[in-house]
């Protein structure tokens, strides 16, 4: 009695593709906020349709990275806690980064 196994080449190809994706993501990356806070991500944790809407509704002037950096951390964390399912900005960024990574890896 023999067993014929098929699909191993296809499986190996998928593993190689995944390995290449992981290797391309190694190291540090600068990811635009709109790529992290996608409408799909925001739909899972807030009522915001986009990062732009979130910044507009925050009540803070956010026209540049410098504007954003000038927002007091406690005030921004309070806004995030009150308007998303996250306790603070760092928690939200960590989750958004995980979602971005999963999407880039094809999961």
N, C-alpha and C. Protein backbone atom coordinates (compact mmCIF):
# COMPACT_ATOMS: atom_id res chain seq x y z
N UNK A 1 0.85 -1.17 0.00
CA UNK A 1 0.00 0.00 0.00
C UNK A 1 0.90 1.24 0.00
N UNK A 2 0.58 2.19 -0.84
CA UNK A 2 1.34 3.43 -0.89
C UNK A 2 0.40 4.62 -0.79
N UNK A 3 0.96 5.69 -0.29
CA UNK A 3 0.18 6.93 -0.16
C UNK A 3 0.83 7.97 -1.04
N UNK A 4 0.02 8.59 -1.85
CA UNK A 4 0.52 9.64 -2.72
C UNK A 4 0.22 10.99 -2.07
N UNK A 5 1.27 11.76 -1.86
CA UNK A 5 1.13 13.09 -1.26
C UNK A 5 1.33 14.11 -2.38
N UNK A 6 0.36 14.99 -2.51
CA UNK A 6 0.46 16.03 -3.52
C UNK A 6 0.37 17.39 -2.84
N UNK A 7 0.84 18.38 -3.54
CA UNK A 7 0.73 19.73 -3.02
C UNK A 7 1.93 20.22 -2.24
N UNK A 8 2.94 19.36 -2.04
CA UNK A 8 4.10 19.80 -1.27
C UNK A 8 4.87 20.90 -1.98
N UNK A 9 4.94 20.84 -3.29
CA UNK A 9 5.63 21.91 -4.02
C UNK A 9 4.91 23.24 -3.84
N UNK A 10 3.60 23.20 -3.90
CA UNK A 10 2.81 24.42 -3.71
C UNK A 10 2.98 24.95 -2.28
N UNK A 11 3.00 24.03 -1.31
CA UNK A 11 3.20 24.42 0.09
C UNK A 11 4.58 25.05 0.28
N UNK A 12 5.60 24.45 -0.31
CA UNK A 12 6.96 24.97 -0.21
C UNK A 12 7.03 26.37 -0.84
N UNK A 13 6.34 26.55 -1.97
CA UNK A 13 6.32 27.86 -2.63
C UNK A 13 5.69 28.91 -1.71
N UNK A 14 4.58 28.55 -1.07
CA UNK A 14 3.91 29.48 -0.15
C UNK A 14 4.81 29.82 1.04
N UNK A 15 5.53 28.81 1.55
CA UNK A 15 6.45 29.08 2.65
C UNK A 15 7.58 30.01 2.22
N UNK A 16 8.09 29.81 1.01
CA UNK A 16 9.14 30.69 0.49
C UNK A 16 8.63 32.12 0.34
N UNK A 17 7.39 32.28 -0.14
CA UNK A 17 6.80 33.61 -0.28
C UNK A 17 6.67 34.28 1.08
N UNK A 18 6.20 33.52 2.07
CA UNK A 18 6.06 34.06 3.42
C UNK A 18 7.42 34.44 3.99
N UNK A 19 8.42 33.61 3.78
CA UNK A 19 9.78 33.91 4.25
C UNK A 19 10.28 35.21 3.63
N UNK A 20 10.06 35.39 2.34
CA UNK A 20 10.49 36.62 1.66
C UNK A 20 9.78 37.85 2.22
N UNK A 21 8.49 37.71 2.49
CA UNK A 21 7.73 38.83 3.06
C UNK A 21 8.27 39.19 4.44
N UNK A 22 8.53 38.17 5.25
CA UNK A 22 9.05 38.41 6.61
C UNK A 22 10.42 39.08 6.53
N UNK A 23 11.27 38.60 5.65
CA UNK A 23 12.60 39.20 5.50
C UNK A 23 12.52 40.66 5.04
N UNK A 24 11.57 40.95 4.16
CA UNK A 24 11.44 42.33 3.68
C UNK A 24 10.93 43.27 4.77
N UNK A 25 10.32 42.71 5.80
CA UNK A 25 9.79 43.53 6.88
C UNK A 25 10.74 43.65 8.06
N UNK A 26 11.86 42.96 8.02
CA UNK A 26 12.77 43.03 9.16
C UNK A 26 13.38 44.42 9.26
N UNK A 27 13.76 44.78 10.46
CA UNK A 27 14.34 46.09 10.68
C UNK A 27 13.28 47.12 11.05
N UNK A 28 13.68 48.36 11.04
CA UNK A 28 12.79 49.46 11.39
C UNK A 28 12.11 50.01 10.16
N UNK A 29 10.86 50.41 10.32
CA UNK A 29 10.09 50.99 9.22
C UNK A 29 9.41 52.27 9.68
N UNK A 30 9.29 53.19 8.77
CA UNK A 30 8.52 54.39 9.00
C UNK A 30 7.24 54.24 8.19
N UNK A 31 6.14 54.06 8.89
CA UNK A 31 4.87 53.77 8.23
C UNK A 31 3.96 55.00 8.34
N UNK A 32 3.48 55.50 7.22
CA UNK A 32 2.55 56.64 7.28
C UNK A 32 1.33 56.31 8.13
N UNK A 33 0.88 57.28 8.91
CA UNK A 33 -0.23 57.05 9.83
C UNK A 33 -1.49 56.56 9.11
N UNK A 34 -1.71 57.02 7.88
CA UNK A 34 -2.89 56.56 7.13
C UNK A 34 -2.78 55.10 6.73
N UNK A 35 -1.55 54.58 6.64
CA UNK A 35 -1.36 53.16 6.35
C UNK A 35 -1.59 52.31 7.59
N UNK A 36 -1.39 52.89 8.77
CA UNK A 36 -1.65 52.18 10.02
C UNK A 36 -3.11 52.29 10.43
N UNK A 37 -3.62 53.50 10.41
CA UNK A 37 -5.00 53.73 10.85
C UNK A 37 -5.93 53.69 9.65
N UNK A 38 -6.05 52.52 9.07
CA UNK A 38 -6.89 52.35 7.89
C UNK A 38 -8.36 52.41 8.29
N UNK A 39 -9.23 52.68 7.33
CA UNK A 39 -10.66 52.66 7.64
C UNK A 39 -11.12 51.33 8.24
N UNK A 40 -10.57 50.22 7.74
CA UNK A 40 -10.94 48.91 8.30
C UNK A 40 -10.52 48.79 9.76
N UNK A 41 -9.29 49.21 10.06
CA UNK A 41 -8.83 49.15 11.45
C UNK A 41 -9.68 50.05 12.33
N UNK A 42 -9.89 51.28 11.90
CA UNK A 42 -10.67 52.22 12.72
C UNK A 42 -12.10 51.74 12.93
N UNK A 43 -12.66 51.03 11.95
CA UNK A 43 -14.02 50.51 12.09
C UNK A 43 -14.11 49.47 13.21
N UNK A 44 -13.00 48.81 13.52
CA UNK A 44 -13.02 47.79 14.57
C UNK A 44 -12.92 48.38 15.97
N UNK A 45 -12.50 49.66 16.07
CA UNK A 45 -12.24 50.20 17.40
C UNK A 45 -12.83 51.58 17.65
N UNK A 46 -13.52 52.14 16.67
CA UNK A 46 -14.03 53.50 16.84
C UNK A 46 -15.17 53.76 15.86
N UNK A 47 -15.66 54.98 15.90
CA UNK A 47 -16.68 55.40 14.93
C UNK A 47 -16.08 56.25 13.82
N UNK A 48 -14.76 56.38 13.81
CA UNK A 48 -14.09 57.20 12.81
C UNK A 48 -13.99 56.45 11.48
N UNK A 49 -14.21 57.17 10.39
CA UNK A 49 -14.09 56.58 9.06
C UNK A 49 -12.68 56.67 8.51
N UNK A 50 -11.87 57.56 9.09
CA UNK A 50 -10.50 57.75 8.60
C UNK A 50 -9.66 58.40 9.70
N UNK A 51 -8.35 58.34 9.51
CA UNK A 51 -7.44 59.01 10.44
C UNK A 51 -7.69 60.51 10.42
N UNK A 52 -7.95 61.05 9.22
CA UNK A 52 -8.22 62.49 9.11
C UNK A 52 -9.42 62.89 9.95
N UNK A 53 -10.48 62.08 9.89
CA UNK A 53 -11.67 62.39 10.68
C UNK A 53 -11.35 62.33 12.18
N UNK A 54 -10.57 61.34 12.58
CA UNK A 54 -10.20 61.22 13.98
C UNK A 54 -9.46 62.48 14.44
N UNK A 55 -8.48 62.93 13.65
CA UNK A 55 -7.74 64.13 14.02
C UNK A 55 -8.64 65.36 14.04
N UNK A 56 -9.52 65.49 13.06
CA UNK A 56 -10.44 66.63 13.02
C UNK A 56 -11.34 66.66 14.24
N UNK A 57 -11.89 65.51 14.61
CA UNK A 57 -12.82 65.45 15.74
C UNK A 57 -12.12 65.51 17.09
N UNK A 58 -10.80 65.43 17.09
CA UNK A 58 -10.07 65.46 18.37
C UNK A 58 -10.10 66.83 19.02
N UNK A 59 -10.30 67.86 18.20
CA UNK A 59 -10.27 69.21 18.74
C UNK A 59 -8.87 69.80 18.77
N UNK A 60 -7.87 69.01 18.39
CA UNK A 60 -6.50 69.49 18.32
C UNK A 60 -6.17 69.86 16.87
N UNK A 61 -5.32 70.85 16.71
CA UNK A 61 -4.85 71.21 15.37
C UNK A 61 -3.78 70.20 14.98
N UNK A 62 -4.06 69.43 13.90
CA UNK A 62 -3.12 68.42 13.44
C UNK A 62 -2.99 68.56 11.93
N UNK A 63 -2.21 69.56 11.52
CA UNK A 63 -1.94 69.77 10.10
C UNK A 63 -0.56 69.27 9.70
N UNK A 64 0.24 68.90 10.70
CA UNK A 64 1.60 68.44 10.41
C UNK A 64 2.05 67.50 11.53
N UNK A 65 3.16 66.86 11.30
CA UNK A 65 3.74 65.99 12.31
C UNK A 65 4.13 66.81 13.55
N UNK A 66 4.57 68.04 13.32
CA UNK A 66 4.93 68.91 14.43
C UNK A 66 3.71 69.25 15.28
N UNK A 67 2.57 69.51 14.61
CA UNK A 67 1.33 69.79 15.35
C UNK A 67 0.98 68.60 16.24
N UNK A 68 1.08 67.42 15.66
CA UNK A 68 0.73 66.21 16.42
C UNK A 68 1.67 66.04 17.61
N UNK A 69 2.95 66.24 17.39
CA UNK A 69 3.94 66.10 18.47
C UNK A 69 3.71 67.11 19.59
N UNK A 70 3.08 68.24 19.27
CA UNK A 70 2.84 69.28 20.28
C UNK A 70 1.65 68.97 21.19
N UNK A 71 0.84 67.98 20.84
CA UNK A 71 -0.31 67.63 21.67
C UNK A 71 0.21 66.96 22.94
N UNK A 72 -0.24 67.42 24.11
CA UNK A 72 0.19 66.77 25.36
C UNK A 72 -0.23 65.29 25.37
N UNK A 73 0.70 64.42 25.75
CA UNK A 73 0.44 62.98 25.73
C UNK A 73 -0.81 62.61 26.53
N UNK A 74 -0.96 63.19 27.72
CA UNK A 74 -2.12 62.85 28.55
C UNK A 74 -3.43 63.25 27.88
N UNK A 75 -3.45 64.39 27.24
CA UNK A 75 -4.67 64.85 26.57
C UNK A 75 -5.01 63.93 25.39
N UNK A 76 -3.99 63.53 24.64
CA UNK A 76 -4.24 62.64 23.49
C UNK A 76 -4.68 61.26 23.99
N UNK A 77 -4.05 60.75 25.03
CA UNK A 77 -4.46 59.46 25.59
C UNK A 77 -5.90 59.52 26.08
N UNK A 78 -6.29 60.65 26.70
CA UNK A 78 -7.68 60.81 27.15
C UNK A 78 -8.63 60.76 25.96
N UNK A 79 -8.28 61.42 24.86
CA UNK A 79 -9.12 61.41 23.67
C UNK A 79 -9.23 59.99 23.11
N UNK A 80 -8.12 59.28 23.02
CA UNK A 80 -8.12 57.91 22.50
C UNK A 80 -8.97 57.01 23.40
N UNK A 81 -8.80 57.13 24.69
CA UNK A 81 -9.55 56.31 25.64
C UNK A 81 -11.06 56.57 25.55
N UNK A 82 -11.42 57.82 25.36
CA UNK A 82 -12.84 58.19 25.31
C UNK A 82 -13.49 57.87 23.97
N UNK A 83 -12.70 57.74 22.90
CA UNK A 83 -13.29 57.62 21.56
C UNK A 83 -12.92 56.35 20.80
N UNK A 84 -12.16 55.48 21.44
CA UNK A 84 -11.82 54.20 20.81
C UNK A 84 -11.92 53.10 21.86
N UNK A 85 -11.70 51.89 21.45
CA UNK A 85 -11.72 50.78 22.41
C UNK A 85 -10.37 50.59 23.10
N UNK A 86 -9.43 51.49 22.85
CA UNK A 86 -8.10 51.39 23.45
C UNK A 86 -7.96 52.32 24.64
N UNK A 87 -7.10 51.92 25.58
CA UNK A 87 -6.88 52.73 26.78
C UNK A 87 -6.01 53.94 26.53
N UNK A 88 -5.11 53.83 25.52
CA UNK A 88 -4.21 54.94 25.24
C UNK A 88 -3.67 54.82 23.82
N UNK A 89 -2.92 55.83 23.41
CA UNK A 89 -2.39 55.91 22.05
C UNK A 89 -1.40 54.79 21.76
N UNK A 90 -0.52 54.48 22.71
CA UNK A 90 0.47 53.43 22.48
C UNK A 90 -0.20 52.08 22.26
N UNK A 91 -1.24 51.79 23.02
CA UNK A 91 -1.98 50.54 22.85
C UNK A 91 -2.62 50.49 21.45
N UNK A 92 -3.17 51.61 21.04
CA UNK A 92 -3.80 51.69 19.72
C UNK A 92 -2.76 51.52 18.61
N UNK A 93 -1.63 52.19 18.74
CA UNK A 93 -0.56 52.05 17.74
C UNK A 93 -0.04 50.63 17.66
N UNK A 94 0.11 49.99 18.80
CA UNK A 94 0.59 48.60 18.82
C UNK A 94 -0.40 47.70 18.07
N UNK A 95 -1.68 47.86 18.32
CA UNK A 95 -2.68 47.06 17.63
C UNK A 95 -2.72 47.37 16.14
N UNK A 96 -2.60 48.65 15.80
CA UNK A 96 -2.59 49.03 14.38
C UNK A 96 -1.35 48.45 13.68
N UNK A 97 -0.22 48.45 14.37
CA UNK A 97 0.99 47.87 13.81
C UNK A 97 0.85 46.38 13.59
N UNK A 98 0.21 45.70 14.52
CA UNK A 98 -0.02 44.26 14.36
C UNK A 98 -0.94 43.99 13.18
N UNK A 99 -1.99 44.80 13.03
CA UNK A 99 -2.91 44.64 11.90
C UNK A 99 -2.19 44.91 10.58
N UNK A 100 -1.34 45.93 10.55
CA UNK A 100 -0.57 46.26 9.35
C UNK A 100 0.35 45.10 8.98
N UNK A 101 1.01 44.54 9.99
CA UNK A 101 1.93 43.42 9.75
C UNK A 101 1.18 42.21 9.20
N UNK A 102 0.06 41.89 9.82
CA UNK A 102 -0.74 40.74 9.34
C UNK A 102 -1.16 40.95 7.90
N UNK A 103 -1.59 42.15 7.57
CA UNK A 103 -2.01 42.43 6.20
C UNK A 103 -0.85 42.29 5.22
N UNK A 104 0.32 42.81 5.60
CA UNK A 104 1.50 42.72 4.73
C UNK A 104 1.94 41.28 4.53
N UNK A 105 1.72 40.44 5.53
CA UNK A 105 2.10 39.04 5.41
C UNK A 105 1.03 38.20 4.72
N UNK A 106 -0.12 38.81 4.48
CA UNK A 106 -1.18 38.12 3.76
C UNK A 106 -2.09 37.28 4.63
N UNK A 107 -2.18 37.62 5.90
CA UNK A 107 -3.08 36.88 6.81
C UNK A 107 -4.39 37.59 6.99
